[in-house]
């Protein structure tokens, strides 16, 4: 009987946690979708999400965790190449808000994205298109 109660309690716990997990994954999917839409509106005029599409700036696939100025075959500013910055979510947020203030001497023309919610959504999207571990590239 005790074993049955243990199994029953475990099943009830798992089932009751399922809506929370489903809600979290649904919320994350909504953030990524909104982020992609905002990326298209705010960033796509210069950056593609991947190397398969032309863009003026470097593609942003696998940007999270990558060393700044490290995408091969792109002519970065000296300031960005020499910065030593790794594109963490915090660094990307600062860049989106005010790239000239964050990195004086950059070539990128940019209108700041100051709304933190918009930044959150774009970061969710950029994280979703970062499919590799960039720690080796960042060293």
C-alpha atoms as a PDB file:
ATOM      1  CA  UNK A   1       0.000   0.000   0.000  1.00  0.00           C
ATOM      2  CA  UNK A   2       2.813   2.408   0.880  1.00  0.00           C
ATOM      3  CA  UNK A   3       4.450   1.834  -2.517  1.00  0.00           C
ATOM      4  CA  UNK A   4       1.143   2.563  -4.277  1.00  0.00           C
ATOM      5  CA  UNK A   5       0.815   5.870  -2.356  1.00  0.00           C
ATOM      6  CA  UNK A   6       4.364   6.819  -3.300  1.00  0.00           C
ATOM      7  CA  UNK A   7       3.691   6.113  -6.984  1.00  0.00           C
ATOM      8  CA  UNK A   8       0.354   7.937  -6.832  1.00  0.00           C
ATOM      9  CA  UNK A   9       1.957  10.978  -5.160  1.00  0.00           C
ATOM     10  CA  UNK A  10       4.711  11.037  -7.782  1.00  0.00           C
ATOM     11  CA  UNK A  11       2.155  10.854 -10.609  1.00  0.00           C
ATOM     12  CA  UNK A  12       0.022  13.629  -9.114  1.00  0.00           C
ATOM     13  CA  UNK A  13       3.118  15.794  -8.679  1.00  0.00           C
ATOM     14  CA  UNK A  14       4.190  15.197 -12.283  1.00  0.00           C
ATOM     15  CA  UNK A  15       0.744  15.943 -13.674  1.00  0.00           C
ATOM     16  CA  UNK A  16       0.355  19.087 -11.586  1.00  0.00           C
ATOM     17  CA  UNK A  17       3.761  20.329 -12.753  1.00  0.00           C
ATOM     18  CA  UNK A  18       2.952  19.697 -16.426  1.00  0.00           C
ATOM     19  CA  UNK A  19       0.789  22.829 -16.875  1.00  0.00           C
ATOM     20  CA  UNK A  20       3.554  24.995 -15.421  1.00  0.00           C
ATOM     21  CA  UNK A  21       6.123  23.437 -17.753  1.00  0.00           C
ATOM     22  CA  UNK A  22       3.757  23.798 -20.698  1.00  0.00           C
ATOM     23  CA  UNK A  23       3.070  27.419 -19.760  1.00  0.00           C
ATOM     24  CA  UNK A  24       6.808  28.133 -19.509  1.00  0.00           C
ATOM     25  CA  UNK A  25       7.525  26.594 -22.914  1.00  0.00           C
ATOM     26  CA  UNK A  26       4.556  28.407 -24.460  1.00  0.00           C
ATOM     27  CA  UNK A  27       5.721  31.705 -22.979  1.00  0.00           C
ATOM     28  CA  UNK A  28       9.254  31.118 -24.293  1.00  0.00           C
ATOM     29  CA  UNK A  29       7.895  30.280 -27.759  1.00  0.00           C
ATOM     30  CA  UNK A  30       5.862  33.485 -27.740  1.00  0.00           C
ATOM     31  CA  UNK A  31       8.955  35.482 -26.708  1.00  0.00           C
ATOM     32  CA  UNK A  32      11.014  33.930 -29.518  1.00  0.00           C
ATOM     33  CA  UNK A  33       8.281  34.584 -32.100  1.00  0.00           C
ATOM     34  CA  UNK A  34       7.880  38.187 -30.925  1.00  0.00           C
ATOM     35  CA  UNK A  35      11.662  38.535 -30.914  1.00  0.00           C
ATOM     36  CA  UNK A  36      11.903  37.326 -34.490  1.00  0.00           C
ATOM     37  CA  UNK A  37       9.263  39.860 -35.557  1.00  0.00           C
ATOM     38  CA  UNK A  38      11.108  42.642 -33.733  1.00  0.00           C
ATOM     39  CA  UNK A  39      14.444  41.475 -35.177  1.00  0.00           C
ATOM     40  CA  UNK A  40      12.927  41.719 -38.666  1.00  0.00           C
ATOM     41  CA  UNK A  41      11.680  45.251 -37.908  1.00  0.00           C
ATOM     42  CA  UNK A  42      14.727  46.598 -36.062  1.00  0.00           C
ATOM     43  CA  UNK A  43      17.802  44.586 -37.079  1.00  0.00           C
ATOM     44  CA  UNK A  44      17.203  42.834 -40.389  1.00  0.00           C
ATOM     45  CA  UNK A  45      17.870  45.864 -42.561  1.00  0.00           C
ATOM     46  CA  UNK A  46      21.569  45.308 -41.738  1.00  0.00           C
ATOM     47  CA  UNK A  47      21.868  41.808 -40.214  1.00  0.00           C
ATOM     48  CA  UNK A  48      20.653  38.463 -41.463  1.00  0.00           C
ATOM     49  CA  UNK A  49      19.894  35.701 -38.995  1.00  0.00           C
ATOM     50  CA  UNK A  50      22.265  33.348 -40.847  1.00  0.00           C
ATOM     51  CA  UNK A  51      25.005  33.188 -43.474  1.00  0.00           C
ATOM     52  CA  UNK A  52      22.558  31.867 -46.089  1.00  0.00           C
ATOM     53  CA  UNK A  53      21.116  35.366 -46.561  1.00  0.00           C
ATOM     54  CA  UNK A  54      22.950  38.502 -47.653  1.00  0.00           C
ATOM     55  CA  UNK A  55      23.379  41.331 -45.194  1.00  0.00           C
ATOM     56  CA  UNK A  56      25.397  44.488 -44.748  1.00  0.00           C
ATOM     57  CA  UNK A  57      26.508  43.538 -41.236  1.00  0.00           C
ATOM     58  CA  UNK A  58      27.630  40.133 -40.013  1.00  0.00           C
ATOM     59  CA  UNK A  59      24.964  37.445 -39.619  1.00  0.00           C
ATOM     60  CA  UNK A  60      23.787  36.985 -36.046  1.00  0.00           C
ATOM     61  CA  UNK A  61      23.331  33.223 -35.948  1.00  0.00           C
ATOM     62  CA  UNK A  62      25.321  31.864 -32.986  1.00  0.00           C
ATOM     63  CA  UNK A  63      25.970  35.372 -31.636  1.00  0.00           C
ATOM     64  CA  UNK A  64      25.280  34.617 -27.954  1.00  0.00           C
ATOM     65  CA  UNK A  65      28.581  33.695 -26.313  1.00  0.00           C
ATOM     66  CA  UNK A  66      30.664  34.587 -29.370  1.00  0.00           C
ATOM     67  CA  UNK A  67      33.644  36.943 -29.132  1.00  0.00           C
ATOM     68  CA  UNK A  68      32.910  40.355 -30.634  1.00  0.00           C
ATOM     69  CA  UNK A  69      34.512  40.918 -34.025  1.00  0.00           C
ATOM     70  CA  UNK A  70      35.150  37.230 -34.615  1.00  0.00           C
ATOM     71  CA  UNK A  71      32.824  36.338 -37.495  1.00  0.00           C
ATOM     72  CA  UNK A  72      35.155  35.334 -40.323  1.00  0.00           C
ATOM     73  CA  UNK A  73      35.345  37.396 -43.499  1.00  0.00           C
ATOM     74  CA  UNK A  74      33.625  40.469 -42.069  1.00  0.00           C
ATOM     75  CA  UNK A  75      35.481  43.786 -41.990  1.00  0.00           C
ATOM     76  CA  UNK A  76      34.907  44.916 -38.400  1.00  0.00           C
ATOM     77  CA  UNK A  77      36.016  48.228 -36.925  1.00  0.00           C
ATOM     78  CA  UNK A  78      39.305  48.152 -35.052  1.00  0.00           C
ATOM     79  CA  UNK A  79      37.393  49.143 -31.905  1.00  0.00           C
ATOM     80  CA  UNK A  80      35.155  46.088 -32.081  1.00  0.00           C
ATOM     81  CA  UNK A  81      37.888  43.612 -33.059  1.00  0.00           C
ATOM     82  CA  UNK A  82      40.144  44.793 -30.224  1.00  0.00           C
ATOM     83  CA  UNK A  83      37.399  45.070 -27.607  1.00  0.00           C
ATOM     84  CA  UNK A  84      37.760  41.638 -26.011  1.00  0.00           C
ATOM     85  CA  UNK A  85      33.992  41.622 -25.466  1.00  0.00           C
ATOM     86  CA  UNK A  86      31.974  38.422 -25.512  1.00  0.00           C
ATOM     87  CA  UNK A  87      28.374  38.777 -26.658  1.00  0.00           C
ATOM     88  CA  UNK A  88      26.619  37.845 -23.449  1.00  0.00           C
ATOM     89  CA  UNK A  89      22.950  38.791 -23.044  1.00  0.00           C
ATOM     90  CA  UNK A  90      24.039  41.800 -20.944  1.00  0.00           C
ATOM     91  CA  UNK A  91      26.522  42.969 -23.598  1.00  0.00           C
ATOM     92  CA  UNK A  92      23.952  42.492 -26.367  1.00  0.00           C
ATOM     93  CA  UNK A  93      21.408  44.461 -24.349  1.00  0.00           C
ATOM     94  CA  UNK A  94      23.896  47.339 -23.858  1.00  0.00           C
ATOM     95  CA  UNK A  95      24.722  47.231 -27.576  1.00  0.00           C
ATOM     96  CA  UNK A  96      21.075  47.345 -28.594  1.00  0.00           C
ATOM     97  CA  UNK A  97      20.417  50.274 -26.280  1.00  0.00           C
ATOM     98  CA  UNK A  98      23.377  52.461 -27.284  1.00  0.00           C
ATOM     99  CA  UNK A  99      26.088  50.852 -29.382  1.00  0.00           C
ATOM    100  CA  UNK A 100      28.014  54.133 -29.802  1.00  0.00           C
ATOM    101  CA  UNK A 101      28.085  54.668 -26.050  1.00  0.00           C
ATOM    102  CA  UNK A 102      28.892  51.026 -25.372  1.00  0.00           C
ATOM    103  CA  UNK A 103      31.599  50.824 -28.048  1.00  0.00           C
ATOM    104  CA  UNK A 104      32.948  54.169 -29.258  1.00  0.00           C
ATOM    105  CA  UNK A 105      34.544  53.845 -32.690  1.00  0.00           C
ATOM    106  CA  UNK A 106      32.193  51.204 -34.068  1.00  0.00           C
ATOM    107  CA  UNK A 107      31.145  51.386 -37.715  1.00  0.00           C
ATOM    108  CA  UNK A 108      27.569  50.407 -37.025  1.00  0.00           C
ATOM    109  CA  UNK A 109      24.899  53.040 -37.443  1.00  0.00           C
ATOM    110  CA  UNK A 110      22.149  52.358 -35.017  1.00  0.00           C
ATOM    111  CA  UNK A 111      19.009  53.735 -33.509  1.00  0.00           C
ATOM    112  CA  UNK A 112      18.853  52.649 -29.870  1.00  0.00           C
ATOM    113  CA  UNK A 113      16.368  50.077 -28.669  1.00  0.00           C
ATOM    114  CA  UNK A 114      15.734  51.337 -25.154  1.00  0.00           C
ATOM    115  CA  UNK A 115      12.599  49.339 -24.314  1.00  0.00           C
ATOM    116  CA  UNK A 116      13.788  46.448 -22.124  1.00  0.00           C
ATOM    117  CA  UNK A 117      10.845  44.271 -23.133  1.00  0.00           C
ATOM    118  CA  UNK A 118      11.755  44.650 -26.803  1.00  0.00           C
ATOM    119  CA  UNK A 119      15.361  43.846 -25.872  1.00  0.00           C
ATOM    120  CA  UNK A 120      14.170  40.751 -23.971  1.00  0.00           C
ATOM    121  CA  UNK A 121      12.255  39.497 -26.985  1.00  0.00           C
ATOM    122  CA  UNK A 122      15.131  40.106 -29.407  1.00  0.00           C
ATOM    123  CA  UNK A 123      17.507  38.380 -26.960  1.00  0.00           C
ATOM    124  CA  UNK A 124      15.141  35.390 -26.779  1.00  0.00           C
ATOM    125  CA  UNK A 125      15.226  35.182 -30.568  1.00  0.00           C
ATOM    126  CA  UNK A 126      19.024  35.561 -30.773  1.00  0.00           C
ATOM    127  CA  UNK A 127      19.395  32.860 -28.130  1.00  0.00           C
ATOM    128  CA  UNK A 128      17.105  30.595 -30.161  1.00  0.00           C
ATOM    129  CA  UNK A 129      19.361  30.945 -33.227  1.00  0.00           C
ATOM    130  CA  UNK A 130      22.490  30.275 -31.178  1.00  0.00           C
ATOM    131  CA  UNK A 131      22.824  26.542 -31.589  1.00  0.00           C
ATOM    132  CA  UNK A 132      26.490  26.048 -30.797  1.00  0.00           C
ATOM    133  CA  UNK A 133      28.693  26.445 -27.745  1.00  0.00           C
ATOM    134  CA  UNK A 134      30.805  29.508 -28.458  1.00  0.00           C
ATOM    135  CA  UNK A 135      33.086  29.286 -25.438  1.00  0.00           C
ATOM    136  CA  UNK A 136      36.086  28.109 -27.510  1.00  0.00           C
ATOM    137  CA  UNK A 137      35.610  30.991 -29.958  1.00  0.00           C
ATOM    138  CA  UNK A 138      35.433  33.463 -27.084  1.00  0.00           C
ATOM    139  CA  UNK A 139      38.788  32.498 -25.544  1.00  0.00           C
END
